[in-house]
C-alpha atoms as a PDB file:
ATOM      1  CA  MET A   1     132.365  42.157 -86.591  1.00  0.00           C
ATOM      2  CA  ILE A   2     131.007  44.903 -84.358  1.00  0.00           C
ATOM      3  CA  ALA A   3     127.495  44.391 -85.706  1.00  0.00           C
ATOM      4  CA  ASN A   4     127.627  40.691 -84.793  1.00  0.00           C
ATOM      5  CA  SER A   5     128.694  41.408 -81.234  1.00  0.00           C
ATOM      6  CA  ILE A   6     125.963  44.033 -80.855  1.00  0.00           C
ATOM      7  CA  PHE A   7     123.312  41.658 -82.208  1.00  0.00           C
ATOM      8  CA  LEU A   8     124.461  38.763 -80.058  1.00  0.00           C
ATOM      9  CA  GLY A   9     124.509  41.032 -77.035  1.00  0.00           C
ATOM     10  CA  LEU A  10     120.869  42.013 -77.558  1.00  0.00           C
ATOM     11  CA  VAL A  11     119.441  38.513 -77.992  1.00  0.00           C
ATOM     12  CA  GLY A  12     119.582  36.540 -74.783  1.00  0.00           C
ATOM     13  CA  PRO A  13     118.079  33.194 -73.806  1.00  0.00           C
ATOM     14  CA  TRP A  14     114.783  34.715 -72.679  1.00  0.00           C
ATOM     15  CA  GLN A  15     114.325  36.521 -75.991  1.00  0.00           C
ATOM     16  CA  VAL A  16     114.916  33.248 -77.845  1.00  0.00           C
ATOM     17  CA  VAL A  17     112.298  31.532 -75.663  1.00  0.00           C
ATOM     18  CA  VAL A  18     109.795  34.307 -76.379  1.00  0.00           C
ATOM     19  CA  ILE A  19     110.444  34.057 -80.128  1.00  0.00           C
ATOM     20  CA  VAL A  20     109.997  30.264 -80.102  1.00  0.00           C
ATOM     21  CA  VAL A  21     106.744  30.544 -78.125  1.00  0.00           C
ATOM     22  CA  LEU A  22     105.410  33.175 -80.535  1.00  0.00           C
ATOM     23  CA  ILE A  23     106.257  30.990 -83.531  1.00  0.00           C
ATOM     24  CA  LEU A  24     104.498  28.038 -81.904  1.00  0.00           C
ATOM     25  CA  LEU A  25     101.426  30.155 -81.219  1.00  0.00           C
ATOM     26  CA  LEU A  26     101.328  31.578 -84.742  1.00  0.00           C
ATOM     27  CA  PHE A  27     101.939  28.404 -86.728  1.00  0.00           C
ATOM     28  CA  GLY A  28     101.075  25.561 -84.368  1.00  0.00           C
ATOM     29  CA  GLY A  29     103.103  22.447 -83.664  1.00  0.00           C
ATOM     30  CA  LYS A  30     101.925  20.526 -86.730  1.00  0.00           C
ATOM     31  CA  LYS A  31     102.804  23.221 -89.245  1.00  0.00           C
ATOM     32  CA  ILE A  32     106.398  23.824 -88.125  1.00  0.00           C
ATOM     33  CA  PRO A  33     107.883  20.552 -89.499  1.00  0.00           C
ATOM     34  CA  GLU A  34     106.338  21.353 -92.892  1.00  0.00           C
ATOM     35  CA  LEU A  35     107.842  24.845 -92.812  1.00  0.00           C
ATOM     36  CA  MET A  36     111.280  23.494 -91.905  1.00  0.00           C
ATOM     37  CA  ARG A  37     111.093  20.839 -94.638  1.00  0.00           C
ATOM     38  CA  GLY A  38     110.251  23.531 -97.184  1.00  0.00           C
ATOM     39  CA  LEU A  39     113.067  25.734 -95.937  1.00  0.00           C
ATOM     40  CA  GLY A  40     115.547  22.853 -96.114  1.00  0.00           C
ATOM     41  CA  SER A  41     114.545  21.896 -99.643  1.00  0.00           C
ATOM     42  CA  GLY A  42     114.792  25.517-100.741  1.00  0.00           C
ATOM     43  CA  ILE A  43     118.305  25.812 -99.337  1.00  0.00           C
ATOM     44  CA  LYS A  44     119.285  22.536-101.014  1.00  0.00           C
ATOM     45  CA  GLU A  45     117.976  23.717-104.390  1.00  0.00           C
ATOM     46  CA  PHE A  46     119.843  27.007-103.990  1.00  0.00           C
ATOM     47  CA  LYS A  47     123.113  25.196-103.220  1.00  0.00           C
ATOM     48  CA  ASP A  48     122.642  22.842-106.186  1.00  0.00           C
ATOM     49  CA  ALA A  49     121.950  25.754-108.512  1.00  0.00           C
ATOM     50  CA  SER A  50     124.988  27.670-107.301  1.00  0.00           C
ATOM     51  CA  LYS A  51     127.173  24.568-107.761  1.00  0.00           C
ATOM     52  CA  GLU A  52     125.920  24.132-111.315  1.00  0.00           C
ATOM     53  CA  ASP A  53     126.587  27.788-112.033  1.00  0.00           C
ATOM     54  CA  ASN A  54     130.210  27.566-110.874  1.00  0.00           C
ATOM     55  CA  ASP A  55     131.026  24.072-112.173  1.00  0.00           C
ATOM     56  CA  PRO A  56     133.141  24.341-115.379  1.00  0.00           C
ATOM     57  CA  SER A  57     132.611  20.678-116.304  1.00  0.00           C
ATOM     58  CA  ILE A  58     128.915  21.353-116.880  1.00  0.00           C
ATOM     59  CA  GLU A  59     129.769  24.163-119.297  1.00  0.00           C
ATOM     60  CA  ASP A  60     131.989  21.759-121.258  1.00  0.00           C
ATOM     61  CA  LYS A  61     129.108  19.290-121.577  1.00  0.00           C
ATOM     62  CA  LYS A  62     126.787  22.006-122.930  1.00  0.00           C
ATOM     63  CA  GLN A  63     129.101  22.796-125.857  1.00  0.00           C
END
């Protein structure tokens, strides 16, 4: 809890603007949607895999 408040206290609106500008300069405007799409699909695959790992009905079907 303390770590979150320290981190949130250090990152203000100007720091976020600087980070966004740096990302735009590094990757360009056309590349960012592709990066976000890849990130979203990776998160979706991770969630699906974790659901399959915890779902007992799938284990019953395997046997």
